[in-house]
Amino acid sequence: MTRPMQLTDSSFKDTMTAHPLLVVDCWAPWCGPCKMLGPTIDRLAEEYADRITFGKLNVDDNREVSMTYGIQSIPTILIFKDGKLVDRIVGALPKPMLEAKFKPFL
């Protein structure tokens, strides 16, 4: 998938277990840093389309997942390997720093 998939409370669990490596951008439309990070996530989704599934979760519309994973600040990136949360990134990091976080799980 060359674009991040839109995730919801109802689709999250199935998506998490269906993809060996899932990187989820937790964001909200009013969040300035989230808007800055969005194009970076889109580029990463395109570059790693054959190895990583990227998703976007609007935390305002999907509070269940937000509460389950204790998302208190956005943007937050959740990295899932084989259905288990393996890392979390809080803040809008530059592309090379984001890649360094998920590359070990490839």
N, C-alpha and C. Protein backbone atom coordinates (compact mmCIF):
# COMPACT_ATOMS: atom_id res chain seq x y z
N MET A 1 0.85 -1.18 0.00
CA MET A 1 0.00 0.00 0.00
C MET A 1 0.89 1.24 0.00
N THR A 2 0.70 2.11 -0.97
CA THR A 2 1.59 3.26 -1.11
C THR A 2 1.11 4.49 -0.34
N ARG A 3 -0.07 4.44 0.24
CA ARG A 3 -0.59 5.52 1.08
C ARG A 3 -0.95 4.93 2.43
N PRO A 4 -0.83 5.71 3.48
CA PRO A 4 -1.26 5.20 4.78
C PRO A 4 -2.76 4.90 4.77
N MET A 5 -3.13 3.80 5.40
CA MET A 5 -4.55 3.47 5.49
C MET A 5 -5.17 4.24 6.65
N GLN A 6 -6.43 4.58 6.51
CA GLN A 6 -7.15 5.27 7.57
C GLN A 6 -7.66 4.22 8.55
N LEU A 7 -7.27 4.35 9.79
CA LEU A 7 -7.65 3.38 10.82
C LEU A 7 -8.73 3.97 11.72
N THR A 8 -9.55 3.09 12.26
CA THR A 8 -10.61 3.48 13.19
C THR A 8 -10.58 2.53 14.38
N ASP A 9 -11.34 2.88 15.41
CA ASP A 9 -11.45 1.98 16.56
C ASP A 9 -11.89 0.59 16.12
N SER A 10 -12.82 0.52 15.17
CA SER A 10 -13.37 -0.77 14.76
C SER A 10 -12.43 -1.56 13.85
N SER A 11 -11.56 -0.88 13.11
CA SER A 11 -10.67 -1.61 12.20
C SER A 11 -9.27 -1.84 12.77
N PHE A 12 -8.97 -1.21 13.88
CA PHE A 12 -7.60 -1.20 14.39
C PHE A 12 -7.06 -2.59 14.72
N LYS A 13 -7.78 -3.34 15.50
CA LYS A 13 -7.29 -4.65 15.95
C LYS A 13 -7.03 -5.59 14.78
N ASP A 14 -7.98 -5.67 13.84
CA ASP A 14 -7.79 -6.54 12.68
C ASP A 14 -6.60 -6.10 11.84
N THR A 15 -6.44 -4.80 11.67
CA THR A 15 -5.32 -4.28 10.89
C THR A 15 -4.00 -4.60 11.58
N MET A 16 -3.96 -4.40 12.89
CA MET A 16 -2.75 -4.64 13.67
C MET A 16 -2.29 -6.10 13.55
N THR A 17 -3.22 -7.03 13.59
CA THR A 17 -2.85 -8.44 13.54
C THR A 17 -2.63 -8.95 12.12
N ALA A 18 -3.14 -8.24 11.13
CA ALA A 18 -3.03 -8.70 9.74
C ALA A 18 -1.72 -8.30 9.07
N HIS A 19 -0.99 -7.37 9.67
CA HIS A 19 0.23 -6.86 9.04
C HIS A 19 1.43 -7.10 9.96
N PRO A 20 2.48 -7.74 9.45
CA PRO A 20 3.64 -8.06 10.28
C PRO A 20 4.32 -6.84 10.89
N LEU A 21 4.35 -5.73 10.15
CA LEU A 21 4.93 -4.49 10.67
C LEU A 21 4.00 -3.34 10.33
N LEU A 22 3.45 -2.73 11.37
CA LEU A 22 2.48 -1.65 11.21
C LEU A 22 2.99 -0.42 11.96
N VAL A 23 3.05 0.70 11.25
CA VAL A 23 3.46 1.98 11.84
C VAL A 23 2.24 2.89 11.79
N VAL A 24 1.77 3.33 12.96
CA VAL A 24 0.53 4.10 13.05
C VAL A 24 0.82 5.53 13.51
N ASP A 25 0.40 6.48 12.69
CA ASP A 25 0.49 7.89 13.00
C ASP A 25 -0.80 8.31 13.70
N CYS A 26 -0.70 8.62 14.99
CA CYS A 26 -1.86 9.08 15.77
C CYS A 26 -1.85 10.61 15.73
N TRP A 27 -2.90 11.20 15.19
CA TRP A 27 -2.92 12.62 14.90
C TRP A 27 -4.31 13.20 15.12
N ALA A 28 -4.42 14.52 14.93
CA ALA A 28 -5.71 15.21 14.94
C ALA A 28 -5.62 16.37 13.95
N PRO A 29 -6.74 16.75 13.33
CA PRO A 29 -6.72 17.79 12.30
C PRO A 29 -6.26 19.17 12.80
N TRP A 30 -6.44 19.46 14.07
CA TRP A 30 -6.10 20.77 14.62
C TRP A 30 -4.64 20.86 15.07
N CYS A 31 -3.90 19.78 15.01
CA CYS A 31 -2.55 19.68 15.55
C CYS A 31 -1.51 20.14 14.52
N GLY A 32 -0.83 21.25 14.80
CA GLY A 32 0.18 21.79 13.90
C GLY A 32 1.32 20.82 13.62
N PRO A 33 1.96 20.25 14.67
CA PRO A 33 3.04 19.29 14.42
C PRO A 33 2.57 18.06 13.64
N CYS A 34 1.30 17.66 13.83
CA CYS A 34 0.75 16.53 13.08
C CYS A 34 0.70 16.86 11.59
N LYS A 35 0.32 18.09 11.28
CA LYS A 35 0.26 18.53 9.88
C LYS A 35 1.65 18.54 9.26
N MET A 36 2.66 18.90 10.05
CA MET A 36 4.04 18.90 9.55
C MET A 36 4.53 17.48 9.30
N LEU A 37 4.12 16.54 10.16
CA LEU A 37 4.57 15.15 10.06
C LEU A 37 3.85 14.39 8.96
N GLY A 38 2.64 14.77 8.63
CA GLY A 38 1.82 14.05 7.65
C GLY A 38 2.52 13.75 6.33
N PRO A 39 3.12 14.75 5.67
CA PRO A 39 3.81 14.46 4.40
C PRO A 39 4.98 13.49 4.55
N THR A 40 5.65 13.53 5.69
CA THR A 40 6.75 12.59 5.94
C THR A 40 6.22 11.17 6.03
N ILE A 41 5.12 10.99 6.72
CA ILE A 41 4.51 9.66 6.83
C ILE A 41 4.07 9.18 5.45
N ASP A 42 3.51 10.07 4.65
CA ASP A 42 3.10 9.71 3.29
C ASP A 42 4.29 9.25 2.45
N ARG A 43 5.41 9.96 2.55
CA ARG A 43 6.62 9.57 1.81
C ARG A 43 7.15 8.22 2.28
N LEU A 44 7.17 8.03 3.59
CA LEU A 44 7.66 6.75 4.13
C LEU A 44 6.76 5.60 3.67
N ALA A 45 5.45 5.83 3.66
CA ALA A 45 4.52 4.79 3.22
C ALA A 45 4.79 4.40 1.77
N GLU A 46 5.14 5.38 0.96
CA GLU A 46 5.45 5.10 -0.44
C GLU A 46 6.78 4.36 -0.58
N GLU A 47 7.79 4.82 0.14
CA GLU A 47 9.13 4.23 0.04
C GLU A 47 9.21 2.81 0.60
N TYR A 48 8.43 2.52 1.63
CA TYR A 48 8.48 1.22 2.28
C TYR A 48 7.24 0.37 2.01
N ALA A 49 6.53 0.67 0.95
CA ALA A 49 5.25 0.03 0.65
C ALA A 49 5.33 -1.49 0.60
N ASP A 50 6.45 -2.03 0.21
CA ASP A 50 6.57 -3.49 0.09
C ASP A 50 6.96 -4.17 1.41
N ARG A 51 7.29 -3.38 2.45
CA ARG A 51 7.77 -3.99 3.69
C ARG A 51 7.03 -3.56 4.95
N ILE A 52 6.39 -2.40 4.91
CA ILE A 52 5.75 -1.85 6.10
C ILE A 52 4.36 -1.33 5.72
N THR A 53 3.39 -1.56 6.59
CA THR A 53 2.08 -0.96 6.43
C THR A 53 2.01 0.27 7.32
N PHE A 54 1.62 1.38 6.76
CA PHE A 54 1.46 2.62 7.51
C PHE A 54 -0.02 2.92 7.65
N GLY A 55 -0.39 3.45 8.80
CA GLY A 55 -1.76 3.82 9.04
C GLY A 55 -1.84 5.15 9.75
N LYS A 56 -3.00 5.80 9.64
CA LYS A 56 -3.25 7.05 10.33
C LYS A 56 -4.51 6.88 11.17
N LEU A 57 -4.42 7.33 12.41
CA LEU A 57 -5.55 7.23 13.33
C LEU A 57 -5.86 8.62 13.88
N ASN A 58 -7.04 9.13 13.56
CA ASN A 58 -7.49 10.41 14.09
C ASN A 58 -7.92 10.18 15.53
N VAL A 59 -7.16 10.72 16.49
CA VAL A 59 -7.44 10.43 17.91
C VAL A 59 -8.73 11.09 18.39
N ASP A 60 -9.15 12.17 17.74
CA ASP A 60 -10.41 12.81 18.13
C ASP A 60 -11.61 11.91 17.82
N ASP A 61 -11.53 11.19 16.71
CA ASP A 61 -12.63 10.35 16.27
C ASP A 61 -12.53 8.92 16.77
N ASN A 62 -11.40 8.54 17.35
CA ASN A 62 -11.15 7.14 17.75
C ASN A 62 -10.54 7.09 19.14
N ARG A 63 -11.36 7.37 20.11
CA ARG A 63 -10.88 7.49 21.49
C ARG A 63 -10.54 6.15 22.14
N GLU A 64 -11.15 5.08 21.67
CA GLU A 64 -10.89 3.77 22.27
C GLU A 64 -9.43 3.36 22.10
N VAL A 65 -8.91 3.45 20.89
CA VAL A 65 -7.51 3.11 20.64
C VAL A 65 -6.61 4.09 21.40
N SER A 66 -6.97 5.36 21.40
CA SER A 66 -6.18 6.37 22.11
C SER A 66 -6.06 6.03 23.59
N MET A 67 -7.15 5.63 24.19
CA MET A 67 -7.13 5.27 25.61
C MET A 67 -6.37 3.97 25.84
N THR A 68 -6.57 2.99 24.98
CA THR A 68 -5.90 1.70 25.13
C THR A 68 -4.39 1.85 25.15
N TYR A 69 -3.87 2.72 24.30
CA TYR A 69 -2.42 2.88 24.18
C TYR A 69 -1.89 4.13 24.89
N GLY A 70 -2.73 4.75 25.71
CA GLY A 70 -2.29 5.86 26.54
C GLY A 70 -1.74 7.04 25.76
N ILE A 71 -2.37 7.38 24.65
CA ILE A 71 -1.89 8.49 23.84
C ILE A 71 -2.33 9.79 24.51
N GLN A 72 -1.35 10.53 25.01
CA GLN A 72 -1.64 11.78 25.70
C GLN A 72 -1.12 13.00 24.95
N SER A 73 -0.17 12.78 24.06
CA SER A 73 0.39 13.86 23.24
C SER A 73 0.40 13.40 21.79
N ILE A 74 0.18 14.35 20.89
CA ILE A 74 0.23 14.02 19.47
C ILE A 74 1.15 15.02 18.78
N PRO A 75 1.78 14.60 17.71
CA PRO A 75 1.67 13.28 17.11
C PRO A 75 2.39 12.21 17.93
N THR A 76 1.81 11.03 17.93
CA THR A 76 2.44 9.85 18.50
C THR A 76 2.45 8.78 17.41
N ILE A 77 3.60 8.15 17.24
CA ILE A 77 3.74 7.05 16.28
C ILE A 77 3.85 5.76 17.08
N LEU A 78 2.99 4.81 16.76
CA LEU A 78 3.03 3.49 17.39
C LEU A 78 3.58 2.49 16.38
N ILE A 79 4.52 1.66 16.81
CA ILE A 79 5.11 0.65 15.93
C ILE A 79 4.73 -0.72 16.47
N PHE A 80 4.05 -1.50 15.63
CA PHE A 80 3.61 -2.84 15.99
C PHE A 80 4.35 -3.87 15.15
N LYS A 81 4.90 -4.87 15.80
CA LYS A 81 5.55 -6.00 15.12
C LYS A 81 4.78 -7.25 15.52
N ASP A 82 4.24 -7.94 14.52
CA ASP A 82 3.47 -9.16 14.76
C ASP A 82 2.37 -8.95 15.80
N GLY A 83 1.68 -7.80 15.70
CA GLY A 83 0.55 -7.52 16.57
C GLY A 83 0.89 -7.02 17.95
N LYS A 84 2.17 -6.81 18.25
CA LYS A 84 2.57 -6.33 19.57
C LYS A 84 3.23 -4.96 19.45
N LEU A 85 2.88 -4.06 20.37
CA LEU A 85 3.50 -2.75 20.39
C LEU A 85 4.96 -2.89 20.78
N VAL A 86 5.87 -2.45 19.90
CA VAL A 86 7.30 -2.60 20.16
C VAL A 86 8.01 -1.27 20.36
N ASP A 87 7.39 -0.17 19.95
CA ASP A 87 8.01 1.14 20.16
C ASP A 87 6.96 2.22 19.99
N ARG A 88 7.29 3.38 20.55
CA ARG A 88 6.40 4.55 20.51
C ARG A 88 7.29 5.78 20.34
N ILE A 89 6.85 6.68 19.50
CA ILE A 89 7.57 7.92 19.25
C ILE A 89 6.59 9.06 19.49
N VAL A 90 6.96 10.01 20.33
CA VAL A 90 6.11 11.17 20.58
C VAL A 90 6.79 12.40 20.01
N GLY A 91 6.06 13.11 19.17
CA GLY A 91 6.59 14.32 18.57
C GLY A 91 6.84 14.15 17.09
N ALA A 92 7.04 15.28 16.43
CA ALA A 92 7.27 15.29 14.98
C ALA A 92 8.77 15.22 14.72
N LEU A 93 9.27 14.02 14.55
CA LEU A 93 10.70 13.83 14.28
C LEU A 93 10.97 13.90 12.79
N PRO A 94 12.20 14.26 12.41
CA PRO A 94 12.55 14.24 10.99
C PRO A 94 12.59 12.81 10.45
N LYS A 95 12.46 12.70 9.14
CA LYS A 95 12.39 11.41 8.45
C LYS A 95 13.52 10.45 8.85
N PRO A 96 14.79 10.87 8.86
CA PRO A 96 15.85 9.91 9.21
C PRO A 96 15.71 9.34 10.63
N MET A 97 15.23 10.17 11.56
CA MET A 97 15.05 9.68 12.94
C MET A 97 13.88 8.70 13.03
N LEU A 98 12.82 8.94 12.26
CA LEU A 98 11.70 8.00 12.23
C LEU A 98 12.14 6.66 11.65
N GLU A 99 12.86 6.72 10.54
CA GLU A 99 13.34 5.49 9.90
C GLU A 99 14.21 4.69 10.85
N ALA A 100 15.06 5.37 11.61
CA ALA A 100 15.94 4.67 12.55
C ALA A 100 15.15 3.91 13.61
N LYS A 101 13.94 4.37 13.91
CA LYS A 101 13.11 3.71 14.92
C LYS A 101 12.47 2.43 14.41
N PHE A 102 12.02 2.40 13.13
CA PHE A 102 11.33 1.20 12.66
C PHE A 102 12.20 0.25 11.84
N LYS A 103 13.33 0.72 11.33
CA LYS A 103 14.19 -0.16 10.52
C LYS A 103 14.66 -1.41 11.27
N PRO A 104 14.95 -1.35 12.57
CA PRO A 104 15.38 -2.58 13.25
C PRO A 104 14.34 -3.70 13.22
N PHE A 105 13.10 -3.36 12.98
CA PHE A 105 12.03 -4.37 12.99
C PHE A 105 11.75 -4.97 11.62
N LEU A 106 12.48 -4.52 10.59
CA LEU A 106 12.29 -5.07 9.24
C LEU A 106 12.84 -6.48 9.15
